[in-house]
PDB file of N, CA and C in Angstrom:
ATOM      1  N   MET A   1     -18.465 -12.116 -29.028  1.00  0.00           N
ATOM      2  CA  MET A   1     -17.252 -11.578 -29.599  1.00  0.00           C
ATOM      3  C   MET A   1     -16.062 -12.315 -28.971  1.00  0.00           C
ATOM      4  N   THR A   2     -15.108 -12.679 -29.757  1.00  0.00           N
ATOM      5  CA  THR A   2     -13.942 -13.389 -29.248  1.00  0.00           C
ATOM      6  C   THR A   2     -12.945 -12.424 -28.622  1.00  0.00           C
ATOM      7  N   ARG A   3     -12.184 -12.952 -27.686  1.00  0.00           N
ATOM      8  CA  ARG A   3     -11.168 -12.142 -27.025  1.00  0.00           C
ATOM      9  C   ARG A   3      -9.909 -12.104 -27.874  1.00  0.00           C
ATOM     10  N   MET A   4      -9.299 -10.950 -27.933  1.00  0.00           N
ATOM     11  CA  MET A   4      -8.059 -10.809 -28.676  1.00  0.00           C
ATOM     12  C   MET A   4      -6.914 -11.344 -27.817  1.00  0.00           C
ATOM     13  N   LYS A   5      -6.068 -12.145 -28.398  1.00  0.00           N
ATOM     14  CA  LYS A   5      -4.920 -12.686 -27.679  1.00  0.00           C
ATOM     15  C   LYS A   5      -3.711 -11.814 -28.002  1.00  0.00           C
ATOM     16  N   ILE A   6      -3.240 -11.088 -26.989  1.00  0.00           N
ATOM     17  CA  ILE A   6      -2.131 -10.172 -27.182  1.00  0.00           C
ATOM     18  C   ILE A   6      -0.804 -10.851 -26.899  1.00  0.00           C
ATOM     19  N   PHE A   7      -0.767 -11.658 -25.823  1.00  0.00           N
ATOM     20  CA  PHE A   7       0.466 -12.324 -25.419  1.00  0.00           C
ATOM     21  C   PHE A   7       0.429 -13.798 -25.775  1.00  0.00           C
ATOM     22  N   ASN A   8       1.600 -14.359 -26.028  1.00  0.00           N
ATOM     23  CA  ASN A   8       1.691 -15.812 -26.046  1.00  0.00           C
ATOM     24  C   ASN A   8       1.799 -16.260 -24.594  1.00  0.00           C
ATOM     25  N   SER A   9       1.892 -17.548 -24.315  1.00  0.00           N
ATOM     26  CA  SER A   9       1.870 -18.015 -22.927  1.00  0.00           C
ATOM     27  C   SER A   9       3.065 -17.501 -22.130  1.00  0.00           C
ATOM     28  N   LEU A  10       4.238 -17.414 -22.739  1.00  0.00           N
ATOM     29  CA  LEU A  10       5.405 -16.894 -22.035  1.00  0.00           C
ATOM     30  C   LEU A  10       5.242 -15.400 -21.739  1.00  0.00           C
ATOM     31  N   GLY A  11       4.770 -14.638 -22.689  1.00  0.00           N
ATOM     32  CA  GLY A  11       4.549 -13.212 -22.488  1.00  0.00           C
ATOM     33  C   GLY A  11       3.504 -12.944 -21.425  1.00  0.00           C
ATOM     34  N   GLU A  12       2.485 -13.773 -21.384  1.00  0.00           N
ATOM     35  CA  GLU A  12       1.437 -13.619 -20.377  1.00  0.00           C
ATOM     36  C   GLU A  12       1.994 -13.888 -18.981  1.00  0.00           C
ATOM     37  N   GLU A  13       2.839 -14.904 -18.858  1.00  0.00           N
ATOM     38  CA  GLU A  13       3.448 -15.211 -17.558  1.00  0.00           C
ATOM     39  C   GLU A  13       4.353 -14.072 -17.094  1.00  0.00           C
ATOM     40  N   VAL A  14       5.128 -13.503 -18.011  1.00  0.00           N
ATOM     41  CA  VAL A  14       6.006 -12.381 -17.681  1.00  0.00           C
ATOM     42  C   VAL A  14       5.181 -11.185 -17.224  1.00  0.00           C
ATOM     43  N   PHE A  15       4.048 -10.968 -17.845  1.00  0.00           N
ATOM     44  CA  PHE A  15       3.190  -9.830 -17.494  1.00  0.00           C
ATOM     45  C   PHE A  15       2.468 -10.036 -16.167  1.00  0.00           C
ATOM     46  N   GLU A  16       2.008 -11.249 -15.905  1.00  0.00           N
ATOM     47  CA  GLU A  16       1.150 -11.517 -14.748  1.00  0.00           C
ATOM     48  C   GLU A  16       1.892 -11.781 -13.446  1.00  0.00           C
ATOM     49  N   PHE A  17       3.151 -12.179 -13.503  1.00  0.00           N
ATOM     50  CA  PHE A  17       3.868 -12.566 -12.299  1.00  0.00           C
ATOM     51  C   PHE A  17       5.038 -11.638 -12.029  1.00  0.00           C
ATOM     52  N   PRO A  18       5.442 -11.540 -10.758  1.00  0.00           N
ATOM     53  CA  PRO A  18       6.573 -10.673 -10.408  1.00  0.00           C
ATOM     54  C   PRO A  18       7.837 -11.073 -11.159  1.00  0.00           C
ATOM     55  N   PRO A  19       8.724 -10.124 -11.380  1.00  0.00           N
ATOM     56  CA  PRO A  19       9.952 -10.424 -12.111  1.00  0.00           C
ATOM     57  C   PRO A  19      10.878 -11.336 -11.312  1.00  0.00           C
ATOM     58  N   VAL A  20      11.718 -12.047 -12.033  1.00  0.00           N
ATOM     59  CA  VAL A  20      12.766 -12.857 -11.409  1.00  0.00           C
ATOM     60  C   VAL A  20      14.056 -12.073 -11.564  1.00  0.00           C
ATOM     61  N   PHE A  21      14.659 -11.717 -10.442  1.00  0.00           N
ATOM     62  CA  PHE A  21      15.854 -10.895 -10.461  1.00  0.00           C
ATOM     63  C   PHE A  21      17.113 -11.731 -10.264  1.00  0.00           C
ATOM     64  N   ASN A  22      18.201 -11.306 -10.901  1.00  0.00           N
ATOM     65  CA  ASN A  22      19.502 -11.847 -10.539  1.00  0.00           C
ATOM     66  C   ASN A  22      20.055 -10.953  -9.429  1.00  0.00           C
ATOM     67  N   SER A  23      21.257 -11.228  -8.970  1.00  0.00           N
ATOM     68  CA  SER A  23      21.821 -10.494  -7.842  1.00  0.00           C
ATOM     69  C   SER A  23      21.960  -8.993  -8.125  1.00  0.00           C
ATOM     70  N   ALA A  24      22.465  -8.646  -9.286  1.00  0.00           N
ATOM     71  CA  ALA A  24      22.650  -7.232  -9.637  1.00  0.00           C
ATOM     72  C   ALA A  24      21.311  -6.510  -9.746  1.00  0.00           C
ATOM     73  N   GLU A  25      20.330  -7.145 -10.358  1.00  0.00           N
ATOM     74  CA  GLU A  25      19.002  -6.530 -10.485  1.00  0.00           C
ATOM     75  C   GLU A  25      18.347  -6.370  -9.123  1.00  0.00           C
ATOM     76  N   ARG A  26      18.536  -7.350  -8.244  1.00  0.00           N
ATOM     77  CA  ARG A  26      17.962  -7.262  -6.905  1.00  0.00           C
ATOM     78  C   ARG A  26      18.532  -6.050  -6.169  1.00  0.00           C
ATOM     79  N   LYS A  27      19.846  -5.819  -6.289  1.00  0.00           N
ATOM     80  CA  LYS A  27      20.457  -4.654  -5.645  1.00  0.00           C
ATOM     81  C   LYS A  27      19.902  -3.361  -6.243  1.00  0.00           C
ATOM     82  N   ARG A  28      19.705  -3.357  -7.529  1.00  0.00           N
ATOM     83  CA  ARG A  28      19.211  -2.154  -8.209  1.00  0.00           C
ATOM     84  C   ARG A  28      17.758  -1.829  -7.837  1.00  0.00           C
ATOM     85  N   PHE A  29      16.889  -2.823  -7.914  1.00  0.00           N
ATOM     86  CA  PHE A  29      15.466  -2.552  -7.722  1.00  0.00           C
ATOM     87  C   PHE A  29      15.039  -2.503  -6.263  1.00  0.00           C
ATOM     88  N   PHE A  30      15.790  -3.153  -5.375  1.00  0.00           N
ATOM     89  CA  PHE A  30      15.431  -3.115  -3.961  1.00  0.00           C
ATOM     90  C   PHE A  30      16.245  -2.095  -3.184  1.00  0.00           C
ATOM     91  N   TYR A  31      16.936  -1.221  -3.896  1.00  0.00           N
ATOM     92  CA  TYR A  31      17.638  -0.124  -3.248  1.00  0.00           C
ATOM     93  C   TYR A  31      16.602   0.817  -2.644  1.00  0.00           C
ATOM     94  N   LEU A  32      16.785   1.164  -1.384  1.00  0.00           N
ATOM     95  CA  LEU A  32      15.812   2.013  -0.694  1.00  0.00           C
ATOM     96  C   LEU A  32      16.174   3.480  -0.845  1.00  0.00           C
ATOM     97  N   PRO A  33      15.402   4.245  -1.615  1.00  0.00           N
ATOM     98  CA  PRO A  33      15.678   5.675  -1.739  1.00  0.00           C
ATOM     99  C   PRO A  33      15.364   6.411  -0.437  1.00  0.00           C
ATOM    100  N   LEU A  34      16.002   7.530  -0.254  1.00  0.00           N
ATOM    101  CA  LEU A  34      15.815   8.309   0.976  1.00  0.00           C
ATOM    102  C   LEU A  34      14.361   8.702   1.203  1.00  0.00           C
ATOM    103  N   MET A  35      13.634   8.962   0.125  1.00  0.00           N
ATOM    104  CA  MET A  35      12.251   9.402   0.289  1.00  0.00           C
ATOM    105  C   MET A  35      11.340   8.308   0.859  1.00  0.00           C
ATOM    106  N   LEU A  36      11.792   7.051   0.846  1.00  0.00           N
ATOM    107  CA  LEU A  36      10.983   5.967   1.408  1.00  0.00           C
ATOM    108  C   LEU A  36      11.374   5.597   2.836  1.00  0.00           C
ATOM    109  N   GLU A  37      12.421   6.182   3.361  1.00  0.00           N
ATOM    110  CA  GLU A  37      12.858   5.813   4.710  1.00  0.00           C
ATOM    111  C   GLU A  37      11.813   6.152   5.768  1.00  0.00           C
ATOM    112  N   ASP A  38      11.226   7.331   5.700  1.00  0.00           N
ATOM    113  CA  ASP A  38      10.212   7.707   6.695  1.00  0.00           C
ATOM    114  C   ASP A  38       8.960   6.832   6.615  1.00  0.00           C
ATOM    115  N   PRO A  39       8.421   6.595   5.410  1.00  0.00           N
ATOM    116  CA  PRO A  39       7.257   5.705   5.356  1.00  0.00           C
ATOM    117  C   PRO A  39       7.560   4.292   5.867  1.00  0.00           C
ATOM    118  N   ILE A  40       8.758   3.791   5.606  1.00  0.00           N
ATOM    119  CA  ILE A  40       9.118   2.456   6.089  1.00  0.00           C
ATOM    120  C   ILE A  40       9.157   2.442   7.619  1.00  0.00           C
ATOM    121  N   MET A  41       9.742   3.451   8.217  1.00  0.00           N
ATOM    122  CA  MET A  41       9.854   3.495   9.672  1.00  0.00           C
ATOM    123  C   MET A  41       8.496   3.670  10.345  1.00  0.00           C
ATOM    124  N   SER A  42       7.542   4.236   9.635  1.00  0.00           N
ATOM    125  CA  SER A  42       6.218   4.427  10.230  1.00  0.00           C
ATOM    126  C   SER A  42       5.374   3.154  10.212  1.00  0.00           C
ATOM    127  N   LEU A  43       5.785   2.158   9.437  1.00  0.00           N
ATOM    128  CA  LEU A  43       5.065   0.886   9.435  1.00  0.00           C
ATOM    129  C   LEU A  43       5.336   0.160  10.748  1.00  0.00           C
ATOM    130  N   ARG A  44       4.310  -0.455  11.300  1.00  0.00           N
ATOM    131  CA  ARG A  44       4.427  -1.017  12.648  1.00  0.00           C
ATOM    132  C   ARG A  44       5.129  -2.366  12.708  1.00  0.00           C
ATOM    133  N   THR A  45       4.801  -3.263  11.815  1.00  0.00           N
ATOM    134  CA  THR A  45       5.339  -4.618  11.947  1.00  0.00           C
ATOM    135  C   THR A  45       6.460  -4.867  10.943  1.00  0.00           C
ATOM    136  N   PRO A  46       7.385  -5.734  11.297  1.00  0.00           N
ATOM    137  CA  PRO A  46       8.455  -6.104  10.358  1.00  0.00           C
ATOM    138  C   PRO A  46       7.902  -6.712   9.075  1.00  0.00           C
ATOM    139  N   THR A  47       6.815  -7.459   9.182  1.00  0.00           N
ATOM    140  CA  THR A  47       6.196  -8.053   7.996  1.00  0.00           C
ATOM    141  C   THR A  47       5.764  -6.973   7.013  1.00  0.00           C
ATOM    142  N   ASN A  48       5.122  -5.927   7.521  1.00  0.00           N
ATOM    143  CA  ASN A  48       4.682  -4.831   6.653  1.00  0.00           C
ATOM    144  C   ASN A  48       5.863  -4.126   5.999  1.00  0.00           C
ATOM    145  N   LYS A  49       6.941  -3.969   6.742  1.00  0.00           N
ATOM    146  CA  LYS A  49       8.127  -3.314   6.201  1.00  0.00           C
ATOM    147  C   LYS A  49       8.710  -4.104   5.032  1.00  0.00           C
ATOM    148  N   VAL A  50       8.864  -5.403   5.226  1.00  0.00           N
ATOM    149  CA  VAL A  50       9.435  -6.238   4.166  1.00  0.00           C
ATOM    150  C   VAL A  50       8.508  -6.288   2.962  1.00  0.00           C
ATOM    151  N   CYS A  51       7.218  -6.455   3.191  1.00  0.00           N
ATOM    152  CA  CYS A  51       6.269  -6.516   2.074  1.00  0.00           C
ATOM    153  C   CYS A  51       6.238  -5.196   1.308  1.00  0.00           C
ATOM    154  N   PHE A  52       6.330  -4.081   2.021  1.00  0.00           N
ATOM    155  CA  PHE A  52       6.372  -2.779   1.362  1.00  0.00           C
ATOM    156  C   PHE A  52       7.609  -2.657   0.481  1.00  0.00           C
ATOM    157  N   LEU A  53       8.768  -3.057   1.006  1.00  0.00           N
ATOM    158  CA  LEU A  53      10.016  -2.964   0.243  1.00  0.00           C
ATOM    159  C   LEU A  53       9.982  -3.834  -1.011  1.00  0.00           C
ATOM    160  N   VAL A  54       9.474  -5.044  -0.871  1.00  0.00           N
ATOM    161  CA  VAL A  54       9.408  -5.942  -2.037  1.00  0.00           C
ATOM    162  C   VAL A  54       8.414  -5.394  -3.057  1.00  0.00           C
ATOM    163  N   THR A  55       7.274  -4.919  -2.603  1.00  0.00           N
ATOM    164  CA  THR A  55       6.286  -4.344  -3.513  1.00  0.00           C
ATOM    165  C   THR A  55       6.858  -3.136  -4.244  1.00  0.00           C
ATOM    166  N   ALA A  56       7.584  -2.281  -3.542  1.00  0.00           N
ATOM    167  CA  ALA A  56       8.194  -1.108  -4.169  1.00  0.00           C
ATOM    168  C   ALA A  56       9.228  -1.521  -5.212  1.00  0.00           C
ATOM    169  N   GLY A  57      10.007  -2.548  -4.922  1.00  0.00           N
ATOM    170  CA  GLY A  57      10.994  -3.032  -5.884  1.00  0.00           C
ATOM    171  C   GLY A  57      10.345  -3.602  -7.135  1.00  0.00           C
ATOM    172  N   TYR A  58       9.281  -4.367  -6.956  1.00  0.00           N
ATOM    173  CA  TYR A  58       8.566  -4.901  -8.115  1.00  0.00           C
ATOM    174  C   TYR A  58       7.968  -3.764  -8.945  1.00  0.00           C
ATOM    175  N   PHE A  59       7.448  -2.745  -8.269  1.00  0.00           N
ATOM    176  CA  PHE A  59       6.864  -1.633  -8.998  1.00  0.00           C
ATOM    177  C   PHE A  59       7.926  -0.881  -9.796  1.00  0.00           C
ATOM    178  N   LYS A  60       9.108  -0.684  -9.196  1.00  0.00           N
ATOM    179  CA  LYS A  60      10.186  -0.017  -9.929  1.00  0.00           C
ATOM    180  C   LYS A  60      10.587  -0.810 -11.163  1.00  0.00           C
ATOM    181  N   ALA A  61      10.546  -2.118 -11.062  1.00  0.00           N
ATOM    182  CA  ALA A  61      10.973  -2.962 -12.172  1.00  0.00           C
ATOM    183  C   ALA A  61       9.940  -3.027 -13.288  1.00  0.00           C
ATOM    184  N   ARG A  62       8.659  -3.126 -12.944  1.00  0.00           N
ATOM    185  CA  ARG A  62       7.628  -3.371 -13.951  1.00  0.00           C
ATOM    186  C   ARG A  62       6.572  -2.289 -14.058  1.00  0.00           C
ATOM    187  N   HIS A  63       6.593  -1.303 -13.187  1.00  0.00           N
ATOM    188  CA  HIS A  63       5.575  -0.237 -13.172  1.00  0.00           C
ATOM    189  C   HIS A  63       4.178  -0.829 -13.040  1.00  0.00           C
ATOM    190  N   LYS A  64       4.103  -1.820 -12.161  1.00  0.00           N
ATOM    191  CA  LYS A  64       2.856  -2.540 -11.960  1.00  0.00           C
ATOM    192  C   LYS A  64       2.885  -3.164 -10.567  1.00  0.00           C
ATOM    193  N   PHE A  65       1.719  -3.262  -9.936  1.00  0.00           N
ATOM    194  CA  PHE A  65       1.621  -3.927  -8.644  1.00  0.00           C
ATOM    195  C   PHE A  65       1.222  -5.380  -8.852  1.00  0.00           C
ATOM    196  N   PHE A  66       1.781  -6.260  -8.034  1.00  0.00           N
ATOM    197  CA  PHE A  66       1.468  -7.681  -8.069  1.00  0.00           C
ATOM    198  C   PHE A  66       0.849  -8.028  -6.724  1.00  0.00           C
ATOM    199  N   ALA A  67      -0.457  -8.133  -6.702  1.00  0.00           N
ATOM    200  CA  ALA A  67      -1.186  -8.335  -5.451  1.00  0.00           C
ATOM    201  C   ALA A  67      -0.811  -9.665  -4.802  1.00  0.00           C
ATOM    202  N   ARG A  68      -0.179  -9.552  -3.644  1.00  0.00           N
ATOM    203  CA  ARG A  68       0.141 -10.707  -2.811  1.00  0.00           C
ATOM    204  C   ARG A  68       0.945 -11.779  -3.530  1.00  0.00           C
ATOM    205  N   GLN A  69       1.768 -11.378  -4.437  1.00  0.00           N
ATOM    206  CA  GLN A  69       2.646 -12.306  -5.142  1.00  0.00           C
ATOM    207  C   GLN A  69       4.081 -11.890  -4.873  1.00  0.00           C
ATOM    208  N   PHE A  70       4.770 -12.679  -4.066  1.00  0.00           N
ATOM    209  CA  PHE A  70       6.151 -12.387  -3.733  1.00  0.00           C
ATOM    210  C   PHE A  70       6.997 -13.623  -3.985  1.00  0.00           C
ATOM    211  N   ARG A  71       8.214 -13.411  -4.401  1.00  0.00           N
ATOM    212  CA  ARG A  71       9.159 -14.516  -4.577  1.00  0.00           C
ATOM    213  C   ARG A  71       9.959 -14.672  -3.286  1.00  0.00           C
ATOM    214  N   GLN A  72      10.161 -15.924  -2.881  1.00  0.00           N
ATOM    215  CA  GLN A  72      10.839 -16.198  -1.621  1.00  0.00           C
ATOM    216  C   GLN A  72      12.245 -15.594  -1.582  1.00  0.00           C
ATOM    217  N   THR A  73      12.970 -15.631  -2.683  1.00  0.00           N
ATOM    218  CA  THR A  73      14.321 -15.061  -2.694  1.00  0.00           C
ATOM    219  C   THR A  73      14.301 -13.560  -2.420  1.00  0.00           C
ATOM    220  N   ASP A  74      13.274 -12.879  -2.893  1.00  0.00           N
ATOM    221  CA  ASP A  74      13.159 -11.439  -2.649  1.00  0.00           C
ATOM    222  C   ASP A  74      12.815 -11.157  -1.183  1.00  0.00           C
ATOM    223  N   ILE A  75      11.935 -11.964  -0.605  1.00  0.00           N
ATOM    224  CA  ILE A  75      11.600 -11.834   0.817  1.00  0.00           C
ATOM    225  C   ILE A  75      12.853 -12.074   1.656  1.00  0.00           C
ATOM    226  N   ASP A  76      13.590 -13.130   1.338  1.00  0.00           N
ATOM    227  CA  ASP A  76      14.812 -13.441   2.091  1.00  0.00           C
ATOM    228  C   ASP A  76      15.837 -12.319   1.972  1.00  0.00           C
ATOM    229  N   ASN A  77      15.973 -11.761   0.783  1.00  0.00           N
ATOM    230  CA  ASN A  77      16.920 -10.670   0.572  1.00  0.00           C
ATOM    231  C   ASN A  77      16.574  -9.461   1.433  1.00  0.00           C
ATOM    232  N   GLU A  78      15.320  -9.082   1.461  1.00  0.00           N
ATOM    233  CA  GLU A  78      14.906  -7.934   2.260  1.00  0.00           C
ATOM    234  C   GLU A  78      15.019  -8.225   3.749  1.00  0.00           C
ATOM    235  N   ASN A  79      14.719  -9.463   4.152  1.00  0.00           N
ATOM    236  CA  ASN A  79      14.907  -9.843   5.552  1.00  0.00           C
ATOM    237  C   ASN A  79      16.361  -9.639   5.963  1.00  0.00           C
ATOM    238  N   ASP A  80      17.270 -10.079   5.117  1.00  0.00           N
ATOM    239  CA  ASP A  80      18.699  -9.950   5.408  1.00  0.00           C
ATOM    240  C   ASP A  80      19.120  -8.486   5.459  1.00  0.00           C
ATOM    241  N   LEU A  81      18.584  -7.672   4.567  1.00  0.00           N
ATOM    242  CA  LEU A  81      18.977  -6.266   4.522  1.00  0.00           C
ATOM    243  C   LEU A  81      18.539  -5.487   5.756  1.00  0.00           C
ATOM    244  N   ILE A  82      17.355  -5.786   6.265  1.00  0.00           N
ATOM    245  CA  ILE A  82      16.888  -5.026   7.421  1.00  0.00           C
ATOM    246  C   ILE A  82      16.972  -5.834   8.708  1.00  0.00           C
ATOM    247  N   GLY A  83      17.552  -7.029   8.635  1.00  0.00           N
ATOM    248  CA  GLY A  83      17.814  -7.819   9.830  1.00  0.00           C
ATOM    249  C   GLY A  83      16.602  -8.440  10.474  1.00  0.00           C
ATOM    250  N   LEU A  84      15.658  -8.902   9.683  1.00  0.00           N
ATOM    251  CA  LEU A  84      14.447  -9.518  10.214  1.00  0.00           C
ATOM    252  C   LEU A  84      14.342 -10.953   9.741  1.00  0.00           C
ATOM    253  N   GLU A  85      13.562 -11.722  10.440  1.00  0.00           N
ATOM    254  CA  GLU A  85      13.266 -13.090  10.024  1.00  0.00           C
ATOM    255  C   GLU A  85      11.759 -13.197   9.864  1.00  0.00           C
ATOM    256  N   ILE A  86      11.300 -13.162   8.629  1.00  0.00           N
ATOM    257  CA  ILE A  86       9.876 -13.221   8.354  1.00  0.00           C
ATOM    258  C   ILE A  86       9.616 -14.370   7.395  1.00  0.00           C
ATOM    259  N   PRO A  87       8.761 -15.302   7.771  1.00  0.00           N
ATOM    260  CA  PRO A  87       8.468 -16.402   6.857  1.00  0.00           C
ATOM    261  C   PRO A  87       7.684 -15.909   5.657  1.00  0.00           C
ATOM    262  N   PHE A  88       7.802 -16.634   4.560  1.00  0.00           N
ATOM    263  CA  PHE A  88       7.185 -16.248   3.302  1.00  0.00           C
ATOM    264  C   PHE A  88       5.679 -16.080   3.419  1.00  0.00           C
ATOM    265  N   PHE A  89       5.010 -17.012   4.123  1.00  0.00           N
ATOM    266  CA  PHE A  89       3.552 -16.999   4.155  1.00  0.00           C
ATOM    267  C   PHE A  89       2.987 -15.775   4.858  1.00  0.00           C
ATOM    268  N   SER A  90       3.771 -15.092   5.677  1.00  0.00           N
ATOM    269  CA  SER A  90       3.226 -13.956   6.409  1.00  0.00           C
ATOM    270  C   SER A  90       3.009 -12.733   5.529  1.00  0.00           C
ATOM    271  N   CYS A  91       3.555 -12.727   4.312  1.00  0.00           N
ATOM    272  CA  CYS A  91       3.356 -11.590   3.414  1.00  0.00           C
ATOM    273  C   CYS A  91       2.194 -11.820   2.471  1.00  0.00           C
ATOM    274  N   ARG A  92       1.442 -12.830   2.672  1.00  0.00           N
ATOM    275  CA  ARG A  92       0.300 -13.093   1.790  1.00  0.00           C
ATOM    276  C   ARG A  92      -0.931 -12.398   2.296  1.00  0.00           C
TER     277      ARG A  92
END
């Protein structure tokens, strides 16, 4: 049986990869709600904190998890917000 093709190549890329945010969208989706402050503080390493924040922002934007797929600009943005320096490869 043949597979049904639902997306064209552009639609498939949009579905499979994390969103690309502009500055306003980044502020909107990476805003930390009060209910996440305690879970963030309970994470031990700065790497886990940044990866959690980026994952939560991607989920808010697309209602989907992207396993180990992060955009460098999003990592840098979260590093700046919480005052950490974490290289991109450490969130993989």
